[in-house]
Amino acid sequence: MNVCRSCYWAFPENYTHVAMREIRRLDLTWQDEEIKDFDSLKERTDKEGMELPDYVKEVLKKSIK
């Protein structure tokens, strides 16, 4: 199926949808010295009652405006 050729699950390097929904994904990894940055970020989101992905999206959205 052509639709499967443009799905994230089949071709994560080049996709237009995830399971027929228009979605884009970004996976971030913190390692080594970066882990303390992640922990600080997580602590901040917990205090603000936000989920980490929502907080990161909000910060990024502000930076591109």
C-alpha atoms as a PDB file:
ATOM      1  CA  MET A   1       0.000   0.000   0.000  1.00  0.00           C
ATOM      2  CA  ASN A   2       1.252   3.475  -0.823  1.00  0.00           C
ATOM      3  CA  VAL A   3      -0.110   4.840   2.433  1.00  0.00           C
ATOM      4  CA  CYS A   4       2.143   2.463   4.349  1.00  0.00           C
ATOM      5  CA  ARG A   5       5.209   3.789   2.525  1.00  0.00           C
ATOM      6  CA  SER A   6       4.683   7.211   4.085  1.00  0.00           C
ATOM      7  CA  CYS A   7       3.987   5.996   7.646  1.00  0.00           C
ATOM      8  CA  TYR A   8       6.351   6.704  10.549  1.00  0.00           C
ATOM      9  CA  TRP A   9       6.290   3.069  11.619  1.00  0.00           C
ATOM     10  CA  ALA A  10       7.497   1.878   8.213  1.00  0.00           C
ATOM     11  CA  PHE A  11       9.893   4.730   7.388  1.00  0.00           C
ATOM     12  CA  PRO A  12      10.726   6.868  10.449  1.00  0.00           C
ATOM     13  CA  GLU A  13      13.376   8.729   8.464  1.00  0.00           C
ATOM     14  CA  ASN A  14      10.817  10.011   5.927  1.00  0.00           C
ATOM     15  CA  TYR A  15       7.131  10.001   6.848  1.00  0.00           C
ATOM     16  CA  THR A  16       3.980  12.113   6.503  1.00  0.00           C
ATOM     17  CA  HIS A  17       1.741  10.413   9.042  1.00  0.00           C
ATOM     18  CA  VAL A  18       1.661   8.095  12.038  1.00  0.00           C
ATOM     19  CA  ALA A  19      -1.066   5.468  11.801  1.00  0.00           C
ATOM     20  CA  MET A  20      -3.066   7.667   9.394  1.00  0.00           C
ATOM     21  CA  ARG A  21      -2.852  10.795  11.608  1.00  0.00           C
ATOM     22  CA  GLU A  22      -0.833  13.822  10.559  1.00  0.00           C
ATOM     23  CA  ILE A  23       1.819  13.758  13.281  1.00  0.00           C
ATOM     24  CA  ARG A  24       5.470  14.668  13.591  1.00  0.00           C
ATOM     25  CA  ARG A  25       7.728  13.102  16.217  1.00  0.00           C
ATOM     26  CA  LEU A  26      10.920  14.230  17.872  1.00  0.00           C
ATOM     27  CA  ASP A  27      12.784  11.912  20.211  1.00  0.00           C
ATOM     28  CA  LEU A  28      15.352  13.559  22.469  1.00  0.00           C
ATOM     29  CA  THR A  29      18.004  11.819  24.511  1.00  0.00           C
ATOM     30  CA  TRP A  30      20.009  13.261  27.364  1.00  0.00           C
ATOM     31  CA  GLN A  31      23.201  11.487  28.337  1.00  0.00           C
ATOM     32  CA  ASP A  32      26.262  11.897  30.495  1.00  0.00           C
ATOM     33  CA  GLU A  33      26.547  15.518  31.699  1.00  0.00           C
ATOM     34  CA  GLU A  34      23.200  16.375  30.072  1.00  0.00           C
ATOM     35  CA  ILE A  35      21.298  14.208  32.549  1.00  0.00           C
ATOM     36  CA  LYS A  36      21.413  16.899  35.221  1.00  0.00           C
ATOM     37  CA  ASP A  37      19.786  19.279  32.701  1.00  0.00           C
ATOM     38  CA  PHE A  38      17.043  16.754  32.093  1.00  0.00           C
ATOM     39  CA  ASP A  39      16.506  16.263  35.835  1.00  0.00           C
ATOM     40  CA  SER A  40      16.272  20.046  36.348  1.00  0.00           C
ATOM     41  CA  LEU A  41      13.788  20.322  33.509  1.00  0.00           C
ATOM     42  CA  LYS A  42      11.694  17.473  34.900  1.00  0.00           C
ATOM     43  CA  GLU A  43      11.732  19.023  38.375  1.00  0.00           C
ATOM     44  CA  ARG A  44      10.533  22.333  36.931  1.00  0.00           C
ATOM     45  CA  THR A  45       7.673  20.725  35.016  1.00  0.00           C
ATOM     46  CA  ASP A  46       6.611  18.756  38.066  1.00  0.00           C
ATOM     47  CA  LYS A  47       6.449  21.987  40.116  1.00  0.00           C
ATOM     48  CA  GLU A  48       4.410  23.680  37.397  1.00  0.00           C
ATOM     49  CA  GLY A  49       2.106  20.675  37.037  1.00  0.00           C
ATOM     50  CA  MET A  50       3.011  20.170  33.384  1.00  0.00           C
ATOM     51  CA  GLU A  51       4.011  17.138  31.414  1.00  0.00           C
ATOM     52  CA  LEU A  52       7.587  17.335  30.151  1.00  0.00           C
ATOM     53  CA  PRO A  53       6.724  17.075  26.418  1.00  0.00           C
ATOM     54  CA  ASP A  54       4.159  19.885  26.740  1.00  0.00           C
ATOM     55  CA  TYR A  55       6.672  22.094  28.515  1.00  0.00           C
ATOM     56  CA  VAL A  56       9.367  21.473  25.890  1.00  0.00           C
ATOM     57  CA  LYS A  57       6.881  22.234  23.091  1.00  0.00           C
ATOM     58  CA  GLU A  58       5.910  25.487  24.817  1.00  0.00           C
ATOM     59  CA  VAL A  59       9.553  26.577  25.206  1.00  0.00           C
ATOM     60  CA  LEU A  60      10.303  25.747  21.579  1.00  0.00           C
ATOM     61  CA  LYS A  61       7.177  27.521  20.366  1.00  0.00           C
ATOM     62  CA  LYS A  62       8.256  30.697  22.181  1.00  0.00           C
ATOM     63  CA  SER A  63      11.744  30.490  20.688  1.00  0.00           C
ATOM     64  CA  ILE A  64      10.502  30.406  17.083  1.00  0.00           C
ATOM     65  CA  LYS A  65       8.134  33.367  17.402  1.00  0.00           C
END
